Amino acid sequence: MQKVIMNTMTWANATWSLFSFASPWQAHHSFSLSHALKPNIKSQNNYLRQWQHKTEDYLDLLLQQKGPLLNRKCSVCPMDGVYRCHGCMGKLLFCTHCCRTVHSHMSSHRISQWTGGFFNDTSLTKIGLEVHLSHAGEPCPGLTDEWYDTDDEEDHFTKGPWVPLVNNPQMTMVVDTSGLHSLMIRFCQCTDALSADMQLFKTGLFPASFTSPKTAFTFAVLDDFLLDNLECGTLAMNYYSKLRRITSSVFPHLVPVSDVDRFSPLNHSQ
């Protein structure tokens, strides 16, 4: 309140000084200009009074987003739209083919599938998305199915509809600001190809291991953790707990935590 009074007095003094040394015509236009430049100060009560008239409209739009559109069509083709992307602006609907195609370079987006009564969490991997390193996202000409590493066959991811992860040792766990994602990553197998960890790093993924990496962190999640740690004092374990809850808000304890190496990039960032 004191600041508002001081600002008002300042405006009054400036206007009076201007009027004292100006002609009537200049004073008239200067007075109009001073009123136009005055800050339009509104209290929180003004905002709440405006919100009261819009509450029902906002709630209606929010409820409409929870169900499918009346004309439930894919946003790309005329096919039936059964998948909703929560990372794309507008939460667009896609058919299976278009969902895979559109997200070939956006593998960290979260999707849900229409079951007939509600949208159930699923993943891009479960609808067949594969991430190909090098070759501009296209499959490597020398790719075979014998590249898979089986050293970590003891990795078991929790099954169930509430955790959109895939129980498969062939998958690579990618940690992003949008949560944890089990992705089928296909490495380049050309004769001059980089090692697996370098291919991940070149793509923007920091490997948790330099030999047969099974977990990687996006640069975005590392930068986000640095800011959280700097501004909020967030520890690596607490930050990872938040990511588990983002992955599964209902059952975050089912999101796997099986290897200390998964936290190493976060610990080294502190």
C-alpha atoms as a PDB file:
ATOM      1  CA  MET A   1       0.000   0.000   0.000  1.00  0.00           C
ATOM      2  CA  GLN A   2       2.824   2.394   0.869  1.00  0.00           C
ATOM      3  CA  LYS A   3       4.432   1.698  -2.492  1.00  0.00           C
ATOM      4  CA  VAL A   4       1.176   2.466  -4.301  1.00  0.00           C
ATOM      5  CA  ILE A   5       0.826   5.755  -2.377  1.00  0.00           C
ATOM      6  CA  MET A   6       4.416   6.739  -3.205  1.00  0.00           C
ATOM      7  CA  ASN A   7       3.844   5.947  -6.895  1.00  0.00           C
ATOM      8  CA  THR A   8       0.658   8.055  -6.880  1.00  0.00           C
ATOM      9  CA  MET A   9       2.465  10.980  -5.245  1.00  0.00           C
ATOM     10  CA  THR A  10       5.275  10.703  -7.779  1.00  0.00           C
ATOM     11  CA  TRP A  11       2.817  10.862 -10.671  1.00  0.00           C
ATOM     12  CA  ALA A  12       1.057  13.855  -9.075  1.00  0.00           C
ATOM     13  CA  ASN A  13       4.307  15.766  -8.533  1.00  0.00           C
ATOM     14  CA  ALA A  14       5.483  15.069 -12.080  1.00  0.00           C
ATOM     15  CA  THR A  15       2.166  16.221 -13.536  1.00  0.00           C
ATOM     16  CA  TRP A  16       2.162  19.429 -11.410  1.00  0.00           C
ATOM     17  CA  SER A  17       5.734  20.238 -12.472  1.00  0.00           C
ATOM     18  CA  LEU A  18       4.801  19.711 -16.103  1.00  0.00           C
ATOM     19  CA  PHE A  19       1.747  21.949 -15.849  1.00  0.00           C
ATOM     20  CA  SER A  20       3.755  24.754 -14.187  1.00  0.00           C
ATOM     21  CA  PHE A  21       6.016  25.234 -17.240  1.00  0.00           C
ATOM     22  CA  ALA A  22       3.743  24.266 -20.137  1.00  0.00           C
ATOM     23  CA  SER A  23       1.155  26.022 -22.249  1.00  0.00           C
ATOM     24  CA  PRO A  24      -2.554  25.052 -21.844  1.00  0.00           C
ATOM     25  CA  TRP A  25      -2.427  22.970 -25.053  1.00  0.00           C
ATOM     26  CA  GLN A  26       0.725  21.133 -23.935  1.00  0.00           C
ATOM     27  CA  ALA A  27      -0.690  20.671 -20.452  1.00  0.00           C
ATOM     28  CA  HIS A  28      -3.891  19.109 -21.843  1.00  0.00           C
ATOM     29  CA  HIS A  29      -2.032  16.580 -23.977  1.00  0.00           C
ATOM     30  CA  SER A  30       0.519  15.872 -21.257  1.00  0.00           C
ATOM     31  CA  PHE A  31      -2.292  15.263 -18.745  1.00  0.00           C
ATOM     32  CA  SER A  32      -3.927  12.773 -21.139  1.00  0.00           C
ATOM     33  CA  LEU A  33      -0.564  11.071 -21.707  1.00  0.00           C
ATOM     34  CA  SER A  34       0.115  10.806 -17.977  1.00  0.00           C
ATOM     35  CA  HIS A  35      -3.222   9.043 -17.434  1.00  0.00           C
ATOM     36  CA  ALA A  36      -2.527   6.658 -20.334  1.00  0.00           C
ATOM     37  CA  LEU A  37       0.874   5.715 -18.911  1.00  0.00           C
ATOM     38  CA  LYS A  38      -0.385   5.076 -15.385  1.00  0.00           C
ATOM     39  CA  PRO A  39      -0.019   1.430 -14.400  1.00  0.00           C
ATOM     40  CA  ASN A  40      -3.342  -0.445 -14.248  1.00  0.00           C
ATOM     41  CA  ILE A  41      -3.025  -1.943 -10.773  1.00  0.00           C
ATOM     42  CA  LYS A  42      -5.492  -4.733  -9.922  1.00  0.00           C
ATOM     43  CA  SER A  43      -5.670  -6.732  -6.740  1.00  0.00           C
ATOM     44  CA  GLN A  44      -6.068 -10.481  -6.410  1.00  0.00           C
ATOM     45  CA  ASN A  45      -9.737  -9.957  -5.543  1.00  0.00           C
ATOM     46  CA  ASN A  46     -10.316  -8.411  -8.975  1.00  0.00           C
ATOM     47  CA  TYR A  47      -8.893 -11.523 -10.603  1.00  0.00           C
ATOM     48  CA  LEU A  48     -11.022 -13.841  -8.437  1.00  0.00           C
ATOM     49  CA  ARG A  49     -14.182 -11.920  -9.288  1.00  0.00           C
ATOM     50  CA  GLN A  50     -13.412 -12.365 -12.989  1.00  0.00           C
ATOM     51  CA  TRP A  51     -12.655 -16.042 -12.412  1.00  0.00           C
ATOM     52  CA  GLN A  52     -16.082 -16.680 -10.834  1.00  0.00           C
ATOM     53  CA  HIS A  53     -17.779 -16.057 -14.177  1.00  0.00           C
ATOM     54  CA  LYS A  54     -15.405 -18.402 -16.048  1.00  0.00           C
ATOM     55  CA  THR A  55     -15.183 -21.322 -13.616  1.00  0.00           C
ATOM     56  CA  GLU A  56     -17.867 -23.477 -15.267  1.00  0.00           C
ATOM     57  CA  ASP A  57     -16.493 -22.877 -18.764  1.00  0.00           C
ATOM     58  CA  TYR A  58     -12.975 -23.888 -17.725  1.00  0.00           C
ATOM     59  CA  LEU A  59     -14.234 -27.011 -15.940  1.00  0.00           C
ATOM     60  CA  ASP A  60     -16.265 -28.026 -18.999  1.00  0.00           C
ATOM     61  CA  LEU A  61     -13.177 -27.758 -21.215  1.00  0.00           C
ATOM     62  CA  LEU A  62     -11.132 -29.722 -18.678  1.00  0.00           C
ATOM     63  CA  LEU A  63     -13.681 -32.552 -18.608  1.00  0.00           C
ATOM     64  CA  GLN A  64     -13.898 -32.608 -22.397  1.00  0.00           C
ATOM     65  CA  GLN A  65     -10.147 -33.268 -22.566  1.00  0.00           C
ATOM     66  CA  LYS A  66     -10.557 -36.392 -20.417  1.00  0.00           C
ATOM     67  CA  GLY A  67     -12.694 -38.112 -23.044  1.00  0.00           C
ATOM     68  CA  PRO A  68     -12.445 -38.569 -26.818  1.00  0.00           C
ATOM     69  CA  LEU A  69     -13.762 -36.119 -29.350  1.00  0.00           C
ATOM     70  CA  LEU A  70     -17.209 -36.746 -30.812  1.00  0.00           C
ATOM     71  CA  ASN A  71     -15.522 -37.270 -34.167  1.00  0.00           C
ATOM     72  CA  ARG A  72     -12.665 -39.441 -32.913  1.00  0.00           C
ATOM     73  CA  LYS A  73     -10.365 -39.307 -35.934  1.00  0.00           C
ATOM     74  CA  CYS A  74      -6.605 -39.333 -36.280  1.00  0.00           C
ATOM     75  CA  SER A  75      -5.187 -35.821 -36.559  1.00  0.00           C
ATOM     76  CA  VAL A  76      -3.050 -36.897 -39.543  1.00  0.00           C
ATOM     77  CA  CYS A  77      -5.154 -39.374 -41.527  1.00  0.00           C
ATOM     78  CA  PRO A  78      -8.846 -40.414 -41.702  1.00  0.00           C
ATOM     79  CA  MET A  79      -8.233 -43.507 -39.540  1.00  0.00           C
ATOM     80  CA  ASP A  80      -9.669 -44.012 -36.061  1.00  0.00           C
ATOM     81  CA  GLY A  81      -7.723 -42.044 -33.417  1.00  0.00           C
ATOM     82  CA  VAL A  82      -7.102 -44.289 -30.415  1.00  0.00           C
ATOM     83  CA  TYR A  83      -3.889 -42.801 -28.984  1.00  0.00           C
ATOM     84  CA  ARG A  84      -3.605 -39.413 -27.299  1.00  0.00           C
ATOM     85  CA  CYS A  85      -0.212 -37.756 -26.923  1.00  0.00           C
ATOM     86  CA  HIS A  86       0.266 -35.738 -23.744  1.00  0.00           C
ATOM     87  CA  GLY A  87       3.458 -34.141 -25.021  1.00  0.00           C
ATOM     88  CA  CYS A  88       2.095 -32.687 -28.249  1.00  0.00           C
ATOM     89  CA  MET A  89       0.369 -29.322 -27.961  1.00  0.00           C
ATOM     90  CA  GLY A  90      -3.382 -29.823 -27.957  1.00  0.00           C
ATOM     91  CA  LYS A  91      -3.108 -33.507 -26.902  1.00  0.00           C
ATOM     92  CA  LEU A  92      -3.733 -34.737 -30.430  1.00  0.00           C
ATOM     93  CA  LEU A  93      -5.280 -38.091 -31.333  1.00  0.00           C
ATOM     94  CA  PHE A  94      -3.424 -40.544 -33.588  1.00  0.00           C
ATOM     95  CA  CYS A  95      -3.920 -43.936 -35.134  1.00  0.00           C
ATOM     96  CA  THR A  96      -1.221 -46.534 -34.450  1.00  0.00           C
ATOM     97  CA  HIS A  97       0.754 -45.924 -37.651  1.00  0.00           C
ATOM     98  CA  CYS A  98       0.689 -42.112 -37.448  1.00  0.00           C
ATOM     99  CA  CYS A  99       1.550 -42.174 -33.746  1.00  0.00           C
ATOM    100  CA  ARG A 100       4.722 -44.147 -34.496  1.00  0.00           C
ATOM    101  CA  THR A 101       5.622 -42.017 -37.515  1.00  0.00           C
ATOM    102  CA  VAL A 102       5.053 -38.607 -35.924  1.00  0.00           C
ATOM    103  CA  HIS A 103       6.996 -39.543 -32.781  1.00  0.00           C
ATOM    104  CA  SER A 104       9.989 -41.136 -34.487  1.00  0.00           C
ATOM    105  CA  HIS A 105      12.100 -38.189 -33.242  1.00  0.00           C
ATOM    106  CA  MET A 106      10.036 -37.497 -30.082  1.00  0.00           C
ATOM    107  CA  SER A 107      10.413 -40.756 -28.201  1.00  0.00           C
ATOM    108  CA  SER A 108      10.088 -39.105 -24.756  1.00  0.00           C
ATOM    109  CA  HIS A 109       6.440 -38.131 -25.268  1.00  0.00           C
ATOM    110  CA  ARG A 110       3.901 -39.913 -23.084  1.00  0.00           C
ATOM    111  CA  ILE A 111       0.786 -41.393 -24.682  1.00  0.00           C
ATOM    112  CA  SER A 112      -2.436 -43.059 -23.535  1.00  0.00           C
ATOM    113  CA  GLN A 113      -4.800 -45.447 -25.327  1.00  0.00           C
ATOM    114  CA  TRP A 114      -8.583 -45.181 -25.525  1.00  0.00           C
ATOM    115  CA  THR A 115     -10.095 -48.378 -24.061  1.00  0.00           C
ATOM    116  CA  GLY A 116     -13.715 -47.602 -24.811  1.00  0.00           C
ATOM    117  CA  GLY A 117     -14.380 -45.904 -21.498  1.00  0.00           C
ATOM    118  CA  PHE A 118     -11.225 -43.988 -20.614  1.00  0.00           C
ATOM    119  CA  PHE A 119      -7.638 -43.292 -21.658  1.00  0.00           C
ATOM    120  CA  ASN A 120      -5.176 -45.795 -20.203  1.00  0.00           C
ATOM    121  CA  ASP A 121      -1.434 -45.038 -19.946  1.00  0.00           C
ATOM    122  CA  THR A 122       0.751 -46.877 -22.415  1.00  0.00           C
ATOM    123  CA  SER A 123       4.046 -46.163 -24.209  1.00  0.00           C
ATOM    124  CA  LEU A 124       5.376 -45.564 -27.694  1.00  0.00           C
ATOM    125  CA  THR A 125       7.482 -48.694 -27.389  1.00  0.00           C
ATOM    126  CA  LYS A 126       4.375 -50.813 -26.873  1.00  0.00           C
ATOM    127  CA  ILE A 127       3.016 -49.683 -30.251  1.00  0.00           C
ATOM    128  CA  GLY A 128       6.241 -50.585 -32.032  1.00  0.00           C
ATOM    129  CA  LEU A 129       8.383 -47.434 -31.954  1.00  0.00           C
ATOM    130  CA  GLU A 130      12.107 -48.026 -32.463  1.00  0.00           C
ATOM    131  CA  VAL A 131      14.824 -45.383 -32.110  1.00  0.00           C
ATOM    132  CA  HIS A 132      17.523 -45.668 -34.777  1.00  0.00           C
ATOM    133  CA  LEU A 133      20.804 -43.916 -34.047  1.00  0.00           C
ATOM    134  CA  SER A 134      22.702 -42.240 -36.899  1.00  0.00           C
ATOM    135  CA  HIS A 135      21.394 -42.278 -40.504  1.00  0.00           C
ATOM    136  CA  ALA A 136      18.981 -39.414 -39.666  1.00  0.00           C
ATOM    137  CA  GLY A 137      16.712 -41.737 -37.715  1.00  0.00           C
ATOM    138  CA  GLU A 138      16.480 -44.328 -40.485  1.00  0.00           C
ATOM    139  CA  PRO A 139      17.457 -47.990 -39.925  1.00  0.00           C
ATOM    140  CA  CYS A 140      21.119 -48.769 -40.372  1.00  0.00           C
ATOM    141  CA  PRO A 141      21.792 -50.727 -43.606  1.00  0.00           C
ATOM    142  CA  GLY A 142      23.951 -53.167 -41.667  1.00  0.00           C
ATOM    143  CA  LEU A 143      21.449 -53.704 -38.850  1.00  0.00           C
ATOM    144  CA  THR A 144      20.829 -57.268 -37.703  1.00  0.00           C
ATOM    145  CA  ASP A 145      18.979 -58.755 -34.748  1.00  0.00           C
ATOM    146  CA  GLU A 146      22.217 -60.123 -33.282  1.00  0.00           C
ATOM    147  CA  TRP A 147      23.358 -56.793 -31.805  1.00  0.00           C
ATOM    148  CA  TYR A 148      21.422 -57.190 -28.588  1.00  0.00           C
ATOM    149  CA  ASP A 149      23.414 -57.296 -25.375  1.00  0.00           C
ATOM    150  CA  THR A 150      22.369 -59.961 -22.881  1.00  0.00           C
ATOM    151  CA  ASP A 151      24.778 -59.229 -20.027  1.00  0.00           C
ATOM    152  CA  ASP A 152      22.027 -57.561 -17.991  1.00  0.00           C
ATOM    153  CA  GLU A 153      19.364 -60.256 -18.270  1.00  0.00           C
ATOM    154  CA  GLU A 154      18.592 -59.819 -14.574  1.00  0.00           C
ATOM    155  CA  ASP A 155      16.955 -56.423 -15.271  1.00  0.00           C
ATOM    156  CA  HIS A 156      13.232 -56.934 -14.797  1.00  0.00           C
ATOM    157  CA  PHE A 157      10.771 -54.087 -15.169  1.00  0.00           C
ATOM    158  CA  THR A 158       7.464 -54.203 -13.370  1.00  0.00           C
ATOM    159  CA  LYS A 159       4.567 -55.386 -15.500  1.00  0.00           C
ATOM    160  CA  GLY A 160       1.124 -53.838 -15.299  1.00  0.00           C
ATOM    161  CA  PRO A 161      -1.049 -51.168 -16.838  1.00  0.00           C
ATOM    162  CA  TRP A 162      -0.107 -48.514 -14.296  1.00  0.00           C
ATOM    163  CA  VAL A 163       3.581 -48.463 -15.220  1.00  0.00           C
ATOM    164  CA  PRO A 164       4.078 -47.729 -18.941  1.00  0.00           C
ATOM    165  CA  LEU A 165       7.396 -49.582 -19.138  1.00  0.00           C
ATOM    166  CA  VAL A 166       8.339 -52.707 -21.052  1.00  0.00           C
ATOM    167  CA  ASN A 167       9.679 -55.812 -19.318  1.00  0.00           C
ATOM    168  CA  ASN A 168      12.413 -56.672 -21.809  1.00  0.00           C
ATOM    169  CA  PRO A 169      16.205 -56.810 -21.258  1.00  0.00           C
ATOM    170  CA  GLN A 170      16.693 -55.649 -24.858  1.00  0.00           C
ATOM    171  CA  MET A 171      15.298 -52.229 -23.960  1.00  0.00           C
ATOM    172  CA  THR A 172      17.319 -49.191 -22.925  1.00  0.00           C
ATOM    173  CA  MET A 173      16.006 -47.153 -20.009  1.00  0.00           C
ATOM    174  CA  VAL A 174      15.995 -43.448 -20.925  1.00  0.00           C
ATOM    175  CA  VAL A 175      15.496 -40.944 -18.108  1.00  0.00           C
ATOM    176  CA  ASP A 176      13.938 -37.646 -19.186  1.00  0.00           C
ATOM    177  CA  THR A 177      12.111 -34.736 -17.570  1.00  0.00           C
ATOM    178  CA  SER A 178       8.912 -36.489 -18.685  1.00  0.00           C
ATOM    179  CA  GLY A 179       9.816 -39.576 -16.663  1.00  0.00           C
ATOM    180  CA  LEU A 180      11.360 -42.958 -17.409  1.00  0.00           C
ATOM    181  CA  HIS A 181      11.016 -44.562 -20.829  1.00  0.00           C
ATOM    182  CA  SER A 182      11.993 -48.082 -21.889  1.00  0.00           C
ATOM    183  CA  LEU A 183      12.973 -47.668 -25.547  1.00  0.00           C
ATOM    184  CA  MET A 184      14.085 -50.042 -28.249  1.00  0.00           C
ATOM    185  CA  ILE A 185      17.277 -48.300 -29.367  1.00  0.00           C
ATOM    186  CA  ARG A 186      18.929 -49.622 -32.498  1.00  0.00           C
ATOM    187  CA  PHE A 187      22.611 -48.734 -32.735  1.00  0.00           C
ATOM    188  CA  CYS A 188      24.428 -48.122 -35.982  1.00  0.00           C
ATOM    189  CA  GLN A 189      26.444 -51.192 -37.037  1.00  0.00           C
ATOM    190  CA  CYS A 190      28.430 -49.735 -39.913  1.00  0.00           C
ATOM    191  CA  THR A 191      32.130 -50.607 -39.985  1.00  0.00           C
ATOM    192  CA  ASP A 192      33.090 -47.033 -39.052  1.00  0.00           C
ATOM    193  CA  ALA A 193      30.357 -46.625 -36.428  1.00  0.00           C
ATOM    194  CA  LEU A 194      31.121 -45.148 -33.023  1.00  0.00           C
ATOM    195  CA  SER A 195      30.863 -47.213 -29.861  1.00  0.00           C
ATOM    196  CA  ALA A 196      27.418 -47.572 -28.281  1.00  0.00           C
ATOM    197  CA  ASP A 197      28.078 -45.025 -25.528  1.00  0.00           C
ATOM    198  CA  MET A 198      29.394 -42.462 -28.027  1.00  0.00           C
ATOM    199  CA  GLN A 199      26.386 -42.959 -30.290  1.00  0.00           C
ATOM    200  CA  LEU A 200      24.095 -42.251 -27.346  1.00  0.00           C
ATOM    201  CA  PHE A 201      26.087 -39.172 -26.367  1.00  0.00           C
ATOM    202  CA  LYS A 202      26.049 -37.839 -29.921  1.00  0.00           C
ATOM    203  CA  THR A 203      22.249 -38.202 -29.917  1.00  0.00           C
ATOM    204  CA  GLY A 204      21.925 -36.192 -26.701  1.00  0.00           C
ATOM    205  CA  LEU A 205      21.831 -39.064 -24.221  1.00  0.00           C
ATOM    206  CA  PHE A 206      24.399 -39.381 -21.435  1.00  0.00           C
ATOM    207  CA  PRO A 207      25.115 -43.110 -20.848  1.00  0.00           C
ATOM    208  CA  ALA A 208      25.173 -44.446 -17.297  1.00  0.00           C
ATOM    209  CA  SER A 209      27.789 -46.977 -18.378  1.00  0.00           C
ATOM    210  CA  PHE A 210      30.552 -46.795 -20.963  1.00  0.00           C
ATOM    211  CA  THR A 211      30.421 -50.523 -21.734  1.00  0.00           C
ATOM    212  CA  SER A 212      27.090 -51.966 -22.889  1.00  0.00           C
ATOM    213  CA  PRO A 213      24.967 -49.045 -21.605  1.00  0.00           C
ATOM    214  CA  LYS A 214      21.431 -50.010 -20.617  1.00  0.00           C
ATOM    215  CA  THR A 215      20.476 -46.654 -19.055  1.00  0.00           C
ATOM    216  CA  ALA A 216      20.887 -43.141 -20.417  1.00  0.00           C
ATOM    217  CA  PHE A 217      19.929 -39.633 -19.294  1.00  0.00           C
ATOM    218  CA  THR A 218      18.813 -36.901 -21.658  1.00  0.00           C
ATOM    219  CA  PHE A 219      20.750 -33.643 -21.532  1.00  0.00           C
ATOM    220  CA  ALA A 220      17.445 -31.934 -20.701  1.00  0.00           C
ATOM    221  CA  VAL A 221      16.972 -33.904 -17.484  1.00  0.00           C
ATOM    222  CA  LEU A 222      20.579 -33.252 -16.395  1.00  0.00           C
ATOM    223  CA  ASP A 223      20.177 -29.508 -16.989  1.00  0.00           C
ATOM    224  CA  ASP A 224      16.848 -29.537 -15.143  1.00  0.00           C
ATOM    225  CA  PHE A 225      18.393 -31.314 -12.174  1.00  0.00           C
ATOM    226  CA  LEU A 226      21.263 -28.797 -12.055  1.00  0.00           C
ATOM    227  CA  LEU A 227      18.750 -25.949 -11.795  1.00  0.00           C
ATOM    228  CA  ASP A 228      16.694 -27.781  -9.153  1.00  0.00           C
ATOM    229  CA  ASN A 229      19.831 -28.525  -7.171  1.00  0.00           C
ATOM    230  CA  LEU A 230      21.059 -24.925  -7.467  1.00  0.00           C
ATOM    231  CA  GLU A 231      17.804 -23.109  -6.699  1.00  0.00           C
ATOM    232  CA  CYS A 232      15.964 -25.613  -4.469  1.00  0.00           C
ATOM    233  CA  GLY A 233      18.763 -27.740  -3.018  1.00  0.00           C
ATOM    234  CA  THR A 234      17.188 -30.905  -4.451  1.00  0.00           C
ATOM    235  CA  LEU A 235      19.224 -34.083  -3.906  1.00  0.00           C
ATOM    236  CA  ALA A 236      19.665 -36.675  -6.647  1.00  0.00           C
ATOM    237  CA  MET A 237      17.546 -39.292  -4.863  1.00  0.00           C
ATOM    238  CA  ASN A 238      14.706 -36.812  -4.280  1.00  0.00           C
ATOM    239  CA  TYR A 239      14.815 -35.683  -7.885  1.00  0.00           C
ATOM    240  CA  TYR A 240      14.682 -39.273  -9.103  1.00  0.00           C
ATOM    241  CA  SER A 241      11.712 -39.903  -6.801  1.00  0.00           C
ATOM    242  CA  LYS A 242       9.933 -37.051  -8.562  1.00  0.00           C
ATOM    243  CA  LEU A 243      10.676 -38.654 -11.929  1.00  0.00           C
ATOM    244  CA  ARG A 244       9.240 -41.952 -10.691  1.00  0.00           C
ATOM    245  CA  ARG A 245       6.029 -40.171  -9.704  1.00  0.00           C
ATOM    246  CA  ILE A 246       5.871 -38.476 -13.121  1.00  0.00           C
ATOM    247  CA  THR A 247       6.199 -41.915 -14.715  1.00  0.00           C
ATOM    248  CA  SER A 248       3.409 -43.374 -12.578  1.00  0.00           C
ATOM    249  CA  SER A 249       1.522 -40.942 -10.366  1.00  0.00           C
ATOM    250  CA  VAL A 250      -0.624 -43.734  -8.894  1.00  0.00           C
ATOM    251  CA  PHE A 251       2.088 -46.307  -8.124  1.00  0.00           C
ATOM    252  CA  PRO A 252       5.473 -44.546  -8.194  1.00  0.00           C
ATOM    253  CA  HIS A 253       6.971 -47.280  -6.015  1.00  0.00           C
ATOM    254  CA  LEU A 254       6.496 -49.741  -8.906  1.00  0.00           C
ATOM    255  CA  VAL A 255       8.818 -47.759 -11.156  1.00  0.00           C
ATOM    256  CA  PRO A 256      12.097 -49.726 -11.102  1.00  0.00           C
ATOM    257  CA  VAL A 257      15.214 -48.689  -9.234  1.00  0.00           C
ATOM    258  CA  SER A 258      17.711 -51.516  -9.618  1.00  0.00           C
ATOM    259  CA  ASP A 259      21.166 -50.075 -10.214  1.00  0.00           C
ATOM    260  CA  VAL A 260      23.178 -47.359  -8.501  1.00  0.00           C
ATOM    261  CA  ASP A 261      24.711 -46.509 -11.881  1.00  0.00           C
ATOM    262  CA  ARG A 262      21.372 -45.022 -12.882  1.00  0.00           C
ATOM    263  CA  PHE A 263      21.981 -42.216 -10.440  1.00  0.00           C
ATOM    264  CA  SER A 264      25.641 -41.645 -11.256  1.00  0.00           C
ATOM    265  CA  PRO A 265      25.182 -38.809 -13.798  1.00  0.00           C
ATOM    266  CA  LEU A 266      22.902 -36.984 -11.360  1.00  0.00           C
ATOM    267  CA  ASN A 267      25.304 -37.490  -8.468  1.00  0.00           C
ATOM    268  CA  HIS A 268      28.223 -36.229 -10.550  1.00  0.00           C
ATOM    269  CA  SER A 269      26.172 -33.145 -11.497  1.00  0.00           C
ATOM    270  CA  GLN A 270      25.813 -31.977  -7.901  1.00  0.00           C
END
